[in-house]
C-alpha atoms as a PDB file:
ATOM      1  CA  MET A   1      -4.742   2.392   3.748  1.00  0.00           C
ATOM      2  CA  THR A   2      -5.036   5.458   1.679  1.00  0.00           C
ATOM      3  CA  THR A   3      -2.624   6.265  -1.154  1.00  0.00           C
ATOM      4  CA  TRP A   4      -1.507   9.470   0.669  1.00  0.00           C
ATOM      5  CA  MET A   5      -0.645   7.537   3.782  1.00  0.00           C
ATOM      6  CA  ARG A   6       1.289   4.982   1.846  1.00  0.00           C
ATOM      7  CA  TRP A   7       3.303   7.754   0.174  1.00  0.00           C
ATOM      8  CA  MET A   8       4.129   9.331   3.527  1.00  0.00           C
ATOM      9  CA  LEU A   9       5.209   6.016   5.009  1.00  0.00           C
ATOM     10  CA  TRP A  10       7.396   5.335   1.955  1.00  0.00           C
ATOM     11  CA  VAL A  11       9.015   8.825   2.088  1.00  0.00           C
ATOM     12  CA  ALA A  12       9.667   8.335   5.913  1.00  0.00           C
ATOM     13  CA  CYS A  13      11.254   4.943   5.196  1.00  0.00           C
ATOM     14  CA  LEU A  14      13.453   6.365   2.480  1.00  0.00           C
ATOM     15  CA  ALA A  15      14.393   9.295   4.760  1.00  0.00           C
ATOM     16  CA  THR A  16      15.370   6.911   7.533  1.00  0.00           C
ATOM     17  CA  VAL A  17      17.460   4.813   5.220  1.00  0.00           C
ATOM     18  CA  ALA A  18      19.155   7.839   3.839  1.00  0.00           C
ATOM     19  CA  TRP A  19      19.915   9.248   7.277  1.00  0.00           C
ATOM     20  CA  LEU A  20      21.325   5.918   8.476  1.00  0.00           C
ATOM     21  CA  TRP A  21      23.447   5.729   5.274  1.00  0.00           C
ATOM     22  CA  HIS A  22      24.642   9.244   5.849  1.00  0.00           C
ATOM     23  CA  ALA A  23      25.491   8.491   9.528  1.00  0.00           C
ATOM     24  CA  GLY A  24      27.561   5.528   8.356  1.00  0.00           C
ATOM     25  CA  ALA A  25      25.313   2.828   9.883  1.00  0.00           C
ATOM     26  CA  LEU A  26      24.519   1.295   6.486  1.00  0.00           C
ATOM     27  CA  SER A  27      26.733   0.635   3.519  1.00  0.00           C
ATOM     28  CA  ALA A  28      25.800   1.924   0.074  1.00  0.00           C
ATOM     29  CA  GLY A  29      24.709  -1.593  -1.073  1.00  0.00           C
ATOM     30  CA  THR A  30      22.547  -2.146   1.962  1.00  0.00           C
ATOM     31  CA  ALA A  31      20.860   1.282   1.666  1.00  0.00           C
ATOM     32  CA  LEU A  32      20.126   0.723  -1.989  1.00  0.00           C
ATOM     33  CA  ALA A  33      18.723  -2.751  -1.343  1.00  0.00           C
ATOM     34  CA  THR A  34      16.596  -1.501   1.590  1.00  0.00           C
ATOM     35  CA  GLY A  35      15.315   1.324  -0.722  1.00  0.00           C
ATOM     36  CA  ALA A  36      14.368  -1.170  -3.388  1.00  0.00           C
ATOM     37  CA  ALA A  37      12.707  -3.445  -0.926  1.00  0.00           C
ATOM     38  CA  SER A  38      10.734  -0.488   0.467  1.00  0.00           C
ATOM     39  CA  LEU A  39       9.596   0.301  -3.145  1.00  0.00           C
ATOM     40  CA  LEU A  40       8.366  -3.170  -3.624  1.00  0.00           C
ATOM     41  CA  LEU A  41       6.379  -3.023  -0.332  1.00  0.00           C
ATOM     42  CA  PHE A  42       4.911   0.304  -1.379  1.00  0.00           C
ATOM     43  CA  VAL A  43       3.783  -1.022  -4.778  1.00  0.00           C
ATOM     44  CA  TRP A  44       2.385  -4.305  -3.395  1.00  0.00           C
ATOM     45  CA  ARG A  45      -1.343  -4.096  -2.754  1.00  0.00           C
ATOM     46  CA  SER A  46      -2.769  -5.890   0.417  1.00  0.00           C
ATOM     47  CA  HIS A  47      -6.408  -6.069  -0.885  1.00  0.00           C
ATOM     48  CA  PRO A  48      -6.506  -6.199  -4.616  1.00  0.00           C
ATOM     49  CA  HIS A  49     -10.190  -7.098  -4.960  1.00  0.00           C
ATOM     50  CA  ARG A  50     -11.579  -4.935  -2.267  1.00  0.00           C
ATOM     51  CA  ARG A  51     -14.983  -3.249  -2.920  1.00  0.00           C
ATOM     52  CA  ARG A  52     -15.705   0.311  -1.966  1.00  0.00           C
ATOM     53  CA  ARG A  53     -18.129   0.473   0.863  1.00  0.00           C
ATOM     54  CA  THR A  54     -20.021   3.283  -0.802  1.00  0.00           C
ATOM     55  CA  ALA A  55     -20.594   1.439  -4.022  1.00  0.00           C
ATOM     56  CA  LEU A  56     -24.268   1.096  -4.900  1.00  0.00           C
ATOM     57  CA  ARG A  57     -25.665  -2.483  -5.698  1.00  0.00           C
ATOM     58  CA  TYR A  58     -28.459  -2.678  -8.045  1.00  0.00           C
ATOM     59  CA  ILE A  59     -31.028  -5.432  -8.083  1.00  0.00           C
ATOM     60  CA  GLU A  60     -33.215  -6.094 -11.091  1.00  0.00           C
ATOM     61  CA  MET A  61     -36.877  -5.791 -10.652  1.00  0.00           C
ATOM     62  CA  GLY A  62     -38.770  -8.999 -10.085  1.00  0.00           C
ATOM     63  CA  LYS A  63     -35.805 -10.977  -8.632  1.00  0.00           C
ATOM     64  CA  GLN A  64     -35.281 -11.890  -5.040  1.00  0.00           C
ATOM     65  CA  PRO A  65     -33.025  -9.779  -2.872  1.00  0.00           C
ATOM     66  CA  ILE A  66     -29.451 -10.908  -2.645  1.00  0.00           C
ATOM     67  CA  GLY A  67     -28.854 -13.354   0.211  1.00  0.00           C
ATOM     68  CA  LEU A  68     -32.382 -14.789   0.513  1.00  0.00           C
ATOM     69  CA  HIS A  69     -32.086 -17.918  -1.653  1.00  0.00           C
END
């Protein structure tokens, strides 16, 4: 997921929590706890060691291609 999309989802989540708090459906403590939990989910990465698909992979001359051992 792109960073821009993650930001937009986080802002939408905070806006929803703020609206529910303003409407009286959530208490202040619940709204703050939900906002903190949404921040933790926003910061948490799902694939920390993912490679870019466009990354170039170089092979030294004279060696076998990768995967043909």
